PDB file of N, CA and C in Angstrom:
ATOM      1  N   UNK A   1     237.664 173.574  38.005  1.00  0.00           N
ATOM      2  CA  UNK A   1     238.058 172.660  36.987  1.00  0.00           C
ATOM      3  C   UNK A   1     239.723 172.919  37.083  1.00  0.00           C
ATOM      4  N   UNK A   2     240.487 171.831  36.985  1.00  0.00           N
ATOM      5  CA  UNK A   2     241.941 172.054  36.773  1.00  0.00           C
ATOM      6  C   UNK A   2     242.239 172.572  35.567  1.00  0.00           C
ATOM      7  N   UNK A   3     243.310 173.610  35.507  1.00  0.00           N
ATOM      8  CA  UNK A   3     243.376 174.208  34.102  1.00  0.00           C
ATOM      9  C   UNK A   3     245.041 174.145  34.048  1.00  0.00           C
ATOM     10  N   UNK A   4     245.402 174.777  32.800  1.00  0.00           N
ATOM     11  CA  UNK A   4     246.954 174.660  32.352  1.00  0.00           C
ATOM     12  C   UNK A   4     247.567 176.070  33.314  1.00  0.00           C
ATOM     13  N   UNK A   5     248.487 175.647  34.018  1.00  0.00           N
ATOM     14  CA  UNK A   5     249.507 176.870  34.476  1.00  0.00           C
ATOM     15  C   UNK A   5     250.680 176.920  33.683  1.00  0.00           C
ATOM     16  N   UNK A   6     250.949 178.228  33.384  1.00  0.00           N
ATOM     17  CA  UNK A   6     252.081 178.335  32.535  1.00  0.00           C
ATOM     18  C   UNK A   6     253.473 177.729  32.853  1.00  0.00           C
ATOM     19  N   UNK A   7     253.645 177.777  34.437  1.00  0.00           N
ATOM     20  CA  UNK A   7     254.913 177.283  34.994  1.00  0.00           C
ATOM     21  C   UNK A   7     254.886 175.956  35.046  1.00  0.00           C
ATOM     22  N   UNK A   8     253.662 175.064  35.364  1.00  0.00           N
ATOM     23  CA  UNK A   8     253.780 173.924  35.752  1.00  0.00           C
ATOM     24  C   UNK A   8     252.852 173.013  35.125  1.00  0.00           C
ATOM     25  N   UNK A   9     252.250 173.462  34.082  1.00  0.00           N
ATOM     26  CA  UNK A   9     251.400 172.813  33.296  1.00  0.00           C
ATOM     27  C   UNK A   9     250.144 172.309  33.830  1.00  0.00           C
ATOM     28  N   UNK A  10     249.999 171.012  33.673  1.00  0.00           N
ATOM     29  CA  UNK A  10     248.819 170.449  34.374  1.00  0.00           C
ATOM     30  C   UNK A  10     248.967 169.701  35.823  1.00  0.00           C
ATOM     31  N   UNK A  11     250.072 169.911  36.305  1.00  0.00           N
ATOM     32  CA  UNK A  11     250.740 169.172  37.505  1.00  0.00           C
ATOM     33  C   UNK A  11     250.008 170.048  38.760  1.00  0.00           C
ATOM     34  N   UNK A  12     249.844 171.304  38.434  1.00  0.00           N
ATOM     35  CA  UNK A  12     249.043 172.021  39.674  1.00  0.00           C
ATOM     36  C   UNK A  12     247.510 171.736  39.613  1.00  0.00           C
ATOM     37  N   UNK A  13     247.197 171.129  40.565  1.00  0.00           N
ATOM     38  CA  UNK A  13     245.633 170.761  40.676  1.00  0.00           C
ATOM     39  C   UNK A  13     244.960 171.599  41.576  1.00  0.00           C
ATOM     40  N   UNK A  14     243.920 172.334  41.166  1.00  0.00           N
ATOM     41  CA  UNK A  14     243.076 173.007  42.072  1.00  0.00           C
ATOM     42  C   UNK A  14     241.758 173.280  41.396  1.00  0.00           C
ATOM     43  N   UNK A  15     240.997 173.686  42.093  1.00  0.00           N
ATOM     44  CA  UNK A  15     239.505 173.730  41.586  1.00  0.00           C
ATOM     45  C   UNK A  15     238.556 172.847  42.237  1.00  0.00           C
ATOM     46  N   UNK A  16     237.226 172.994  41.856  1.00  0.00           N
ATOM     47  CA  UNK A  16     236.163 172.337  42.372  1.00  0.00           C
ATOM     48  C   UNK A  16     236.053 170.652  41.794  1.00  0.00           C
ATOM     49  N   UNK A  17     236.625 170.561  40.592  1.00  0.00           N
ATOM     50  CA  UNK A  17     236.433 169.185  39.986  1.00  0.00           C
ATOM     51  C   UNK A  17     237.918 168.769  39.457  1.00  0.00           C
ATOM     52  N   UNK A  18     238.099 167.624  39.781  1.00  0.00           N
ATOM     53  CA  UNK A  18     239.357 166.641  39.285  1.00  0.00           C
ATOM     54  C   UNK A  18     238.915 166.521  37.753  1.00  0.00           C
ATOM     55  N   UNK A  19     239.790 166.942  36.898  1.00  0.00           N
ATOM     56  CA  UNK A  19     239.608 166.258  35.713  1.00  0.00           C
ATOM     57  C   UNK A  19     240.872 165.207  35.219  1.00  0.00           C
ATOM     58  N   UNK A  20     240.244 164.040  34.779  1.00  0.00           N
ATOM     59  CA  UNK A  20     240.914 162.753  34.610  1.00  0.00           C
ATOM     60  C   UNK A  20     241.512 163.036  32.848  1.00  0.00           C
ATOM     61  N   UNK A  21     242.780 163.555  32.612  1.00  0.00           N
ATOM     62  CA  UNK A  21     243.496 163.832  31.505  1.00  0.00           C
ATOM     63  C   UNK A  21     243.676 162.496  30.845  1.00  0.00           C
ATOM     64  N   UNK A  22     243.870 161.356  31.426  1.00  0.00           N
ATOM     65  CA  UNK A  22     244.346 160.036  30.661  1.00  0.00           C
ATOM     66  C   UNK A  22     242.910 159.595  30.001  1.00  0.00           C
ATOM     67  N   UNK A  23     241.733 159.930  30.328  1.00  0.00           N
ATOM     68  CA  UNK A  23     240.492 159.604  29.860  1.00  0.00           C
ATOM     69  C   UNK A  23     240.134 160.249  28.546  1.00  0.00           C
ATOM     70  N   UNK A  24     239.845 159.974  27.238  1.00  0.00           N
ATOM     71  CA  UNK A  24     239.656 160.613  26.214  1.00  0.00           C
ATOM     72  C   UNK A  24     238.220 161.573  26.470  1.00  0.00           C
ATOM     73  N   UNK A  25     237.320 161.160  27.514  1.00  0.00           N
ATOM     74  CA  UNK A  25     236.241 161.766  27.568  1.00  0.00           C
ATOM     75  C   UNK A  25     236.577 163.039  28.647  1.00  0.00           C
ATOM     76  N   UNK A  26     237.603 163.148  29.085  1.00  0.00           N
ATOM     77  CA  UNK A  26     237.952 163.985  30.293  1.00  0.00           C
ATOM     78  C   UNK A  26     236.946 163.997  31.399  1.00  0.00           C
ATOM     79  N   UNK A  27     236.890 162.893  31.868  1.00  0.00           N
ATOM     80  CA  UNK A  27     235.765 162.596  33.080  1.00  0.00           C
ATOM     81  C   UNK A  27     235.919 163.629  34.064  1.00  0.00           C
ATOM     82  N   UNK A  28     235.143 164.489  34.753  1.00  0.00           N
ATOM     83  CA  UNK A  28     235.258 165.248  35.922  1.00  0.00           C
ATOM     84  C   UNK A  28     234.783 164.818  37.079  1.00  0.00           C
ATOM     85  N   UNK A  29     235.490 164.603  38.180  1.00  0.00           N
ATOM     86  CA  UNK A  29     235.093 164.078  39.478  1.00  0.00           C
ATOM     87  C   UNK A  29     235.107 165.080  40.529  1.00  0.00           C
ATOM     88  N   UNK A  30     234.032 165.343  41.111  1.00  0.00           N
ATOM     89  CA  UNK A  30     233.912 166.523  42.126  1.00  0.00           C
ATOM     90  C   UNK A  30     234.539 166.282  43.271  1.00  0.00           C
ATOM     91  N   UNK A  31     235.586 167.392  43.871  1.00  0.00           N
ATOM     92  CA  UNK A  31     236.277 167.171  44.786  1.00  0.00           C
ATOM     93  C   UNK A  31     235.495 167.595  46.124  1.00  0.00           C
ATOM     94  N   UNK A  32     236.001 167.403  47.465  1.00  0.00           N
ATOM     95  CA  UNK A  32     235.134 167.609  48.525  1.00  0.00           C
ATOM     96  C   UNK A  32     234.936 169.023  48.701  1.00  0.00           C
ATOM     97  N   UNK A  33     235.572 169.817  48.119  1.00  0.00           N
ATOM     98  CA  UNK A  33     235.161 171.425  48.021  1.00  0.00           C
ATOM     99  C   UNK A  33     234.075 171.769  47.627  1.00  0.00           C
ATOM    100  N   UNK A  34     233.413 170.883  46.628  1.00  0.00           N
ATOM    101  CA  UNK A  34     232.166 171.139  45.998  1.00  0.00           C
ATOM    102  C   UNK A  34     231.043 171.422  47.083  1.00  0.00           C
ATOM    103  N   UNK A  35     230.975 170.514  47.972  1.00  0.00           N
ATOM    104  CA  UNK A  35     230.024 170.588  48.890  1.00  0.00           C
ATOM    105  C   UNK A  35     230.112 171.722  49.764  1.00  0.00           C
ATOM    106  N   UNK A  36     231.184 172.163  50.045  1.00  0.00           N
ATOM    107  CA  UNK A  36     231.500 173.277  50.774  1.00  0.00           C
ATOM    108  C   UNK A  36     231.214 174.474  50.046  1.00  0.00           C
ATOM    109  N   UNK A  37     231.578 174.586  48.900  1.00  0.00           N
ATOM    110  CA  UNK A  37     231.060 175.597  48.089  1.00  0.00           C
ATOM    111  C   UNK A  37     229.699 175.864  47.873  1.00  0.00           C
ATOM    112  N   UNK A  38     228.943 174.627  47.811  1.00  0.00           N
ATOM    113  CA  UNK A  38     227.528 174.663  47.601  1.00  0.00           C
ATOM    114  C   UNK A  38     227.030 175.199  48.911  1.00  0.00           C
ATOM    115  N   UNK A  39     227.485 174.872  50.016  1.00  0.00           N
ATOM    116  CA  UNK A  39     226.871 175.398  50.959  1.00  0.00           C
ATOM    117  C   UNK A  39     227.046 176.974  51.291  1.00  0.00           C
ATOM    118  N   UNK A  40     228.156 177.497  51.072  1.00  0.00           N
ATOM    119  CA  UNK A  40     228.743 178.919  50.867  1.00  0.00           C
ATOM    120  C   UNK A  40     227.552 179.704  50.062  1.00  0.00           C
ATOM    121  N   UNK A  41     227.485 178.965  48.826  1.00  0.00           N
ATOM    122  CA  UNK A  41     226.562 179.739  47.783  1.00  0.00           C
ATOM    123  C   UNK A  41     225.178 179.722  48.341  1.00  0.00           C
ATOM    124  N   UNK A  42     224.541 178.554  49.008  1.00  0.00           N
ATOM    125  CA  UNK A  42     223.240 178.468  49.652  1.00  0.00           C
ATOM    126  C   UNK A  42     222.902 179.181  50.725  1.00  0.00           C
ATOM    127  N   UNK A  43     223.849 179.539  51.572  1.00  0.00           N
ATOM    128  CA  UNK A  43     223.830 180.221  52.739  1.00  0.00           C
ATOM    129  C   UNK A  43     223.991 182.031  52.453  1.00  0.00           C
ATOM    130  N   UNK A  44     224.522 182.324  51.250  1.00  0.00           N
ATOM    131  CA  UNK A  44     224.882 183.476  50.743  1.00  0.00           C
ATOM    132  C   UNK A  44     225.975 184.183  51.829  1.00  0.00           C
ATOM    133  N   UNK A  45     226.849 183.235  52.291  1.00  0.00           N
ATOM    134  CA  UNK A  45     227.893 183.736  53.068  1.00  0.00           C
ATOM    135  C   UNK A  45     228.466 182.531  54.083  1.00  0.00           C
ATOM    136  N   UNK A  46     228.802 182.821  55.270  1.00  0.00           N
ATOM    137  CA  UNK A  46     229.280 181.874  56.248  1.00  0.00           C
ATOM    138  C   UNK A  46     228.583 181.965  57.357  1.00  0.00           C
ATOM    139  N   UNK A  47     227.410 181.571  57.708  1.00  0.00           N
ATOM    140  CA  UNK A  47     226.739 181.535  59.000  1.00  0.00           C
ATOM    141  C   UNK A  47     227.203 180.764  59.948  1.00  0.00           C
ATOM    142  N   UNK A  48     227.180 181.014  61.230  1.00  0.00           N
ATOM    143  CA  UNK A  48     227.995 180.266  62.246  1.00  0.00           C
ATOM    144  C   UNK A  48     227.058 178.739  62.454  1.00  0.00           C
ATOM    145  N   UNK A  49     227.942 177.836  62.656  1.00  0.00           N
ATOM    146  CA  UNK A  49     227.330 176.351  62.792  1.00  0.00           C
ATOM    147  C   UNK A  49     226.397 176.291  63.854  1.00  0.00           C
ATOM    148  N   UNK A  50     226.548 176.842  64.946  1.00  0.00           N
ATOM    149  CA  UNK A  50     225.416 177.005  65.940  1.00  0.00           C
ATOM    150  C   UNK A  50     224.438 177.346  65.738  1.00  0.00           C
ATOM    151  N   UNK A  51     224.507 178.310  64.820  1.00  0.00           N
ATOM    152  CA  UNK A  51     222.847 179.535  64.557  1.00  0.00           C
ATOM    153  C   UNK A  51     221.981 178.540  63.871  1.00  0.00           C
ATOM    154  N   UNK A  52     222.111 177.362  63.695  1.00  0.00           N
ATOM    155  CA  UNK A  52     220.958 176.479  63.040  1.00  0.00           C
ATOM    156  C   UNK A  52     220.311 176.930  61.867  1.00  0.00           C
ATOM    157  N   UNK A  53     220.874 177.911  61.062  1.00  0.00           N
ATOM    158  CA  UNK A  53     220.471 178.487  59.898  1.00  0.00           C
ATOM    159  C   UNK A  53     219.769 177.397  59.036  1.00  0.00           C
ATOM    160  N   UNK A  54     218.644 177.659  58.431  1.00  0.00           N
ATOM    161  CA  UNK A  54     218.276 176.770  57.502  1.00  0.00           C
ATOM    162  C   UNK A  54     219.089 176.274  56.114  1.00  0.00           C
ATOM    163  N   UNK A  55     219.989 177.152  55.874  1.00  0.00           N
ATOM    164  CA  UNK A  55     220.609 176.617  54.892  1.00  0.00           C
ATOM    165  C   UNK A  55     221.811 175.630  55.114  1.00  0.00           C
ATOM    166  N   UNK A  56     222.123 175.510  56.441  1.00  0.00           N
ATOM    167  CA  UNK A  56     222.776 174.585  57.046  1.00  0.00           C
ATOM    168  C   UNK A  56     222.404 173.206  57.012  1.00  0.00           C
ATOM    169  N   UNK A  57     221.158 173.098  56.867  1.00  0.00           N
ATOM    170  CA  UNK A  57     220.268 171.662  56.791  1.00  0.00           C
ATOM    171  C   UNK A  57     220.560 171.208  55.443  1.00  0.00           C
ATOM    172  N   UNK A  58     220.962 169.858  55.342  1.00  0.00           N
ATOM    173  CA  UNK A  58     220.765 169.138  54.098  1.00  0.00           C
ATOM    174  C   UNK A  58     219.579 169.126  53.353  1.00  0.00           C
ATOM    175  N   UNK A  59     219.811 169.534  52.236  1.00  0.00           N
ATOM    176  CA  UNK A  59     218.487 169.306  51.092  1.00  0.00           C
ATOM    177  C   UNK A  59     218.456 167.961  51.038  1.00  0.00           C
ATOM    178  N   UNK A  60     217.025 167.779  50.779  1.00  0.00           N
ATOM    179  CA  UNK A  60     216.737 166.191  50.336  1.00  0.00           C
ATOM    180  C   UNK A  60     217.097 166.050  48.664  1.00  0.00           C
ATOM    181  N   UNK A  61     217.434 164.766  48.235  1.00  0.00           N
ATOM    182  CA  UNK A  61     217.705 164.734  47.108  1.00  0.00           C
ATOM    183  C   UNK A  61     216.499 164.293  45.957  1.00  0.00           C
ATOM    184  N   UNK A  62     216.071 165.228  45.286  1.00  0.00           N
ATOM    185  CA  UNK A  62     214.697 165.087  44.733  1.00  0.00           C
ATOM    186  C   UNK A  62     215.120 165.220  42.964  1.00  0.00           C
ATOM    187  N   UNK A  63     214.731 164.273  42.423  1.00  0.00           N
ATOM    188  CA  UNK A  63     214.590 163.980  41.035  1.00  0.00           C
ATOM    189  C   UNK A  63     213.456 164.619  40.270  1.00  0.00           C
ATOM    190  N   UNK A  64     213.741 165.039  39.160  1.00  0.00           N
ATOM    191  CA  UNK A  64     212.521 165.536  38.444  1.00  0.00           C
ATOM    192  C   UNK A  64     212.636 164.596  37.269  1.00  0.00           C
ATOM    193  N   UNK A  65     211.374 164.032  36.987  1.00  0.00           N
ATOM    194  CA  UNK A  65     211.036 163.262  35.896  1.00  0.00           C
ATOM    195  C   UNK A  65     210.892 164.262  34.675  1.00  0.00           C
ATOM    196  N   UNK A  66     211.489 163.931  33.536  1.00  0.00           N
ATOM    197  CA  UNK A  66     211.176 164.718  32.344  1.00  0.00           C
ATOM    198  C   UNK A  66     210.035 164.568  31.851  1.00  0.00           C
ATOM    199  N   UNK A  67     209.648 165.675  31.301  1.00  0.00           N
ATOM    200  CA  UNK A  67     208.182 165.778  30.605  1.00  0.00           C
ATOM    201  C   UNK A  67     207.750 164.807  29.818  1.00  0.00           C
ATOM    202  N   UNK A  68     206.581 163.989  30.076  1.00  0.00           N
ATOM    203  CA  UNK A  68     206.219 162.855  29.144  1.00  0.00           C
ATOM    204  C   UNK A  68     206.085 163.513  27.800  1.00  0.00           C
ATOM    205  N   UNK A  69     205.548 164.630  27.820  1.00  0.00           N
ATOM    206  CA  UNK A  69     205.322 165.212  26.426  1.00  0.00           C
ATOM    207  C   UNK A  69     205.976 166.193  26.124  1.00  0.00           C
ATOM    208  N   UNK A  70     207.056 166.314  25.415  1.00  0.00           N
ATOM    209  CA  UNK A  70     208.170 167.340  25.226  1.00  0.00           C
ATOM    210  C   UNK A  70     207.627 168.472  24.304  1.00  0.00           C
ATOM    211  N   UNK A  71     206.294 168.254  23.929  1.00  0.00           N
ATOM    212  CA  UNK A  71     205.883 169.599  22.652  1.00  0.00           C
ATOM    213  C   UNK A  71     205.695 170.875  23.475  1.00  0.00           C
ATOM    214  N   UNK A  72     205.617 171.922  22.847  1.00  0.00           N
ATOM    215  CA  UNK A  72     205.476 173.209  23.343  1.00  0.00           C
ATOM    216  C   UNK A  72     204.336 173.930  22.773  1.00  0.00           C
ATOM    217  N   UNK A  73     203.849 174.737  23.451  1.00  0.00           N
ATOM    218  CA  UNK A  73     202.452 175.525  23.019  1.00  0.00           C
ATOM    219  C   UNK A  73     203.077 176.814  23.046  1.00  0.00           C
ATOM    220  N   UNK A  74     202.878 177.456  21.758  1.00  0.00           N
ATOM    221  CA  UNK A  74     203.594 178.765  21.364  1.00  0.00           C
ATOM    222  C   UNK A  74     202.214 179.503  20.648  1.00  0.00           C
ATOM    223  N   UNK A  75     201.474 180.569  21.069  1.00  0.00           N
ATOM    224  CA  UNK A  75     200.686 181.237  20.231  1.00  0.00           C
ATOM    225  C   UNK A  75     199.607 180.269  19.625  1.00  0.00           C
ATOM    226  N   UNK A  76     199.140 179.276  20.407  1.00  0.00           N
ATOM    227  CA  UNK A  76     197.975 178.600  20.286  1.00  0.00           C
ATOM    228  C   UNK A  76     198.333 177.172  19.418  1.00  0.00           C
ATOM    229  N   UNK A  77     199.614 177.067  18.983  1.00  0.00           N
ATOM    230  CA  UNK A  77     200.094 176.026  18.046  1.00  0.00           C
ATOM    231  C   UNK A  77     201.150 175.131  18.934  1.00  0.00           C
ATOM    232  N   UNK A  78     200.971 173.767  18.853  1.00  0.00           N
ATOM    233  CA  UNK A  78     201.728 172.887  19.503  1.00  0.00           C
ATOM    234  C   UNK A  78     202.746 172.129  18.596  1.00  0.00           C
ATOM    235  N   UNK A  79     204.071 172.793  18.930  1.00  0.00           N
ATOM    236  CA  UNK A  79     205.117 172.022  18.301  1.00  0.00           C
ATOM    237  C   UNK A  79     206.100 171.262  18.950  1.00  0.00           C
ATOM    238  N   UNK A  80     206.743 170.553  18.113  1.00  0.00           N
ATOM    239  CA  UNK A  80     207.775 169.862  18.569  1.00  0.00           C
ATOM    240  C   UNK A  80     208.945 170.539  19.256  1.00  0.00           C
ATOM    241  N   UNK A  81     209.952 169.844  19.871  1.00  0.00           N
ATOM    242  CA  UNK A  81     211.096 170.797  20.155  1.00  0.00           C
ATOM    243  C   UNK A  81     211.892 171.121  18.666  1.00  0.00           C
ATOM    244  N   UNK A  82     211.822 170.054  17.599  1.00  0.00           N
ATOM    245  CA  UNK A  82     212.338 170.350  16.355  1.00  0.00           C
ATOM    246  C   UNK A  82     211.947 171.421  15.514  1.00  0.00           C
ATOM    247  N   UNK A  83     210.643 171.453  15.637  1.00  0.00           N
ATOM    248  CA  UNK A  83     209.753 172.601  15.078  1.00  0.00           C
ATOM    249  C   UNK A  83     210.095 173.826  15.635  1.00  0.00           C
ATOM    250  N   UNK A  84     210.249 174.050  16.963  1.00  0.00           N
ATOM    251  CA  UNK A  84     210.415 175.031  17.648  1.00  0.00           C
ATOM    252  C   UNK A  84     211.824 175.774  17.213  1.00  0.00           C
ATOM    253  N   UNK A  85     212.887 174.695  17.197  1.00  0.00           N
ATOM    254  CA  UNK A  85     214.041 175.207  16.885  1.00  0.00           C
ATOM    255  C   UNK A  85     214.275 175.741  15.546  1.00  0.00           C
ATOM    256  N   UNK A  86     213.549 174.951  14.444  1.00  0.00           N
ATOM    257  CA  UNK A  86     213.640 175.569  13.096  1.00  0.00           C
ATOM    258  C   UNK A  86     212.883 176.971  13.240  1.00  0.00           C
ATOM    259  N   UNK A  87     211.574 176.985  13.864  1.00  0.00           N
ATOM    260  CA  UNK A  87     211.090 178.495  13.923  1.00  0.00           C
ATOM    261  C   UNK A  87     212.146 179.369  14.647  1.00  0.00           C
ATOM    262  N   UNK A  88     212.551 179.062  15.481  1.00  0.00           N
ATOM    263  CA  UNK A  88     213.583 179.890  16.072  1.00  0.00           C
ATOM    264  C   UNK A  88     214.797 180.522  15.119  1.00  0.00           C
ATOM    265  N   UNK A  89     215.218 179.361  14.449  1.00  0.00           N
ATOM    266  CA  UNK A  89     216.270 179.813  13.505  1.00  0.00           C
ATOM    267  C   UNK A  89     215.796 180.490  12.351  1.00  0.00           C
ATOM    268  N   UNK A  90     214.698 180.431  11.845  1.00  0.00           N
ATOM    269  CA  UNK A  90     214.062 181.279  10.714  1.00  0.00           C
ATOM    270  C   UNK A  90     213.813 182.542  11.279  1.00  0.00           C
ATOM    271  N   UNK A  91     213.072 182.689  12.461  1.00  0.00           N
ATOM    272  CA  UNK A  91     212.966 184.157  13.062  1.00  0.00           C
ATOM    273  C   UNK A  91     214.167 184.997  13.083  1.00  0.00           C
ATOM    274  N   UNK A  92     215.307 184.391  13.547  1.00  0.00           N
ATOM    275  CA  UNK A  92     216.596 184.868  13.570  1.00  0.00           C
ATOM    276  C   UNK A  92     217.163 185.258  12.261  1.00  0.00           C
ATOM    277  N   UNK A  93     216.852 184.680  11.296  1.00  0.00           N
ATOM    278  CA  UNK A  93     217.538 184.802  10.073  1.00  0.00           C
ATOM    279  C   UNK A  93     216.697 186.082   9.454  1.00  0.00           C
ATOM    280  N   UNK A  94     215.642 185.907   9.445  1.00  0.00           N
ATOM    281  CA  UNK A  94     214.487 187.045   8.965  1.00  0.00           C
ATOM    282  C   UNK A  94     214.969 188.460   9.706  1.00  0.00           C
ATOM    283  N   UNK A  95     215.178 188.304  10.874  1.00  0.00           N
ATOM    284  CA  UNK A  95     215.682 189.498  11.849  1.00  0.00           C
ATOM    285  C   UNK A  95     217.029 190.138  11.201  1.00  0.00           C
ATOM    286  N   UNK A  96     217.804 189.151  10.969  1.00  0.00           N
ATOM    287  CA  UNK A  96     219.344 189.714  10.463  1.00  0.00           C
ATOM    288  C   UNK A  96     219.046 190.138   9.166  1.00  0.00           C
ATOM    289  N   UNK A  97     218.150 189.488   8.296  1.00  0.00           N
ATOM    290  CA  UNK A  97     217.852 190.240   6.882  1.00  0.00           C
ATOM    291  C   UNK A  97     217.239 191.508   6.951  1.00  0.00           C
ATOM    292  N   UNK A  98     216.357 191.545   7.743  1.00  0.00           N
ATOM    293  CA  UNK A  98     215.623 192.831   7.877  1.00  0.00           C
ATOM    294  C   UNK A  98     216.638 194.230   8.685  1.00  0.00           C
ATOM    295  N   UNK A  99     217.604 193.732   9.462  1.00  0.00           N
ATOM    296  CA  UNK A  99     218.565 194.402   9.978  1.00  0.00           C
ATOM    297  C   UNK A  99     219.739 194.880   8.794  1.00  0.00           C
ATOM    298  N   UNK A 100     220.021 194.247   8.020  1.00  0.00           N
ATOM    299  CA  UNK A 100     221.050 194.549   6.859  1.00  0.00           C
ATOM    300  C   UNK A 100     220.140 195.349   5.888  1.00  0.00           C
ATOM    301  N   UNK A 101     218.726 195.026   5.784  1.00  0.00           N
ATOM    302  CA  UNK A 101     217.971 195.889   4.752  1.00  0.00           C
ATOM    303  C   UNK A 101     217.856 197.183   5.298  1.00  0.00           C
ATOM    304  N   UNK A 102     217.758 197.218   6.620  1.00  0.00           N
ATOM    305  CA  UNK A 102     217.564 198.753   7.104  1.00  0.00           C
ATOM    306  C   UNK A 102     218.560 199.575   7.134  1.00  0.00           C
ATOM    307  N   UNK A 103     219.814 198.832   7.313  1.00  0.00           N
ATOM    308  CA  UNK A 103     221.194 199.239   7.096  1.00  0.00           C
ATOM    309  C   UNK A 103     221.493 200.009   5.721  1.00  0.00           C
ATOM    310  N   UNK A 104     221.243 199.159   4.534  1.00  0.00           N
ATOM    311  CA  UNK A 104     221.520 199.427   3.469  1.00  0.00           C
ATOM    312  C   UNK A 104     220.471 200.482   3.004  1.00  0.00           C
ATOM    313  N   UNK A 105     219.469 200.492   3.382  1.00  0.00           N
ATOM    314  CA  UNK A 105     218.291 201.842   3.184  1.00  0.00           C
ATOM    315  C   UNK A 105     218.863 203.143   3.954  1.00  0.00           C
ATOM    316  N   UNK A 106     219.237 202.992   4.904  1.00  0.00           N
ATOM    317  CA  UNK A 106     219.745 204.215   5.698  1.00  0.00           C
ATOM    318  C   UNK A 106     221.008 204.778   4.785  1.00  0.00           C
ATOM    319  N   UNK A 107     222.156 203.999   4.346  1.00  0.00           N
ATOM    320  CA  UNK A 107     223.074 204.167   3.741  1.00  0.00           C
ATOM    321  C   UNK A 107     222.655 204.865   2.636  1.00  0.00           C
ATOM    322  N   UNK A 108     221.915 204.289   1.640  1.00  0.00           N
ATOM    323  CA  UNK A 108     221.321 204.847   0.507  1.00  0.00           C
ATOM    324  C   UNK A 108     220.617 206.322   0.746  1.00  0.00           C
ATOM    325  N   UNK A 109     219.852 206.380   1.678  1.00  0.00           N
ATOM    326  CA  UNK A 109     219.295 207.669   2.097  1.00  0.00           C
ATOM    327  C   UNK A 109     220.210 208.588   2.235  1.00  0.00           C
ATOM    328  N   UNK A 110     221.136 208.378   3.139  1.00  0.00           N
ATOM    329  CA  UNK A 110     222.329 209.384   3.331  1.00  0.00           C
ATOM    330  C   UNK A 110     223.089 209.929   2.225  1.00  0.00           C
ATOM    331  N   UNK A 111     223.550 208.780   1.134  1.00  0.00           N
ATOM    332  CA  UNK A 111     223.952 209.183   0.068  1.00  0.00           C
ATOM    333  C   UNK A 111     223.385 210.064  -0.615  1.00  0.00           C
ATOM    334  N   UNK A 112     222.017 209.765  -0.986  1.00  0.00           N
ATOM    335  CA  UNK A 112     221.163 210.681  -1.828  1.00  0.00           C
ATOM    336  C   UNK A 112     221.050 212.009  -1.054  1.00  0.00           C
ATOM    337  N   UNK A 113     220.864 212.067   0.029  1.00  0.00           N
ATOM    338  CA  UNK A 113     220.803 213.286   0.887  1.00  0.00           C
ATOM    339  C   UNK A 113     222.035 214.296   0.590  1.00  0.00           C
ATOM    340  N   UNK A 114     223.139 213.648   0.936  1.00  0.00           N
ATOM    341  CA  UNK A 114     224.384 214.367   0.645  1.00  0.00           C
ATOM    342  C   UNK A 114     224.570 214.822  -1.030  1.00  0.00           C
ATOM    343  N   UNK A 115     223.856 214.038  -1.745  1.00  0.00           N
ATOM    344  CA  UNK A 115     224.210 214.547  -3.202  1.00  0.00           C
ATOM    345  C   UNK A 115     222.866 215.651  -3.517  1.00  0.00           C
ATOM    346  N   UNK A 116     222.075 215.820  -2.621  1.00  0.00           N
ATOM    347  CA  UNK A 116     220.928 216.905  -2.995  1.00  0.00           C
ATOM    348  C   UNK A 116     219.899 216.405  -3.770  1.00  0.00           C
ATOM    349  N   UNK A 117     219.843 215.019  -3.515  1.00  0.00           N
ATOM    350  CA  UNK A 117     218.510 214.141  -4.289  1.00  0.00           C
ATOM    351  C   UNK A 117     217.750 213.737  -3.201  1.00  0.00           C
ATOM    352  N   UNK A 118     216.588 213.449  -3.280  1.00  0.00           N
ATOM    353  CA  UNK A 118     215.672 213.043  -2.288  1.00  0.00           C
ATOM    354  C   UNK A 118     214.524 212.195  -2.574  1.00  0.00           C
ATOM    355  N   UNK A 119     213.994 211.189  -2.163  1.00  0.00           N
ATOM    356  CA  UNK A 119     213.166 210.270  -2.488  1.00  0.00           C
ATOM    357  C   UNK A 119     211.857 210.943  -2.983  1.00  0.00           C
TER     358      UNK A 119
END
């Protein structure tokens, strides 16, 4: 993606995608180098073109249909994505509360221990 260069601003264009800065959505258009970079990654390097390496063969375009039922099965429960998200946030909040409680308990224990008092 093109980025801001200190000396030339956005005039210097490099990267794999061209960013249309006149469009408020900042549309990105892949450059020709995307295909080459994709091949390098797929081949894990630069195999010789005459080698017939399998990674040099074009991959067929495969479209994956979204699942018809987006529900999740977790511990025998069938959850909608929204319910799973709420559950995740709740679990995270409880984890944070328990970490803070453990920290407070440790600080209180250390203070009492230094004062010569024990539980």
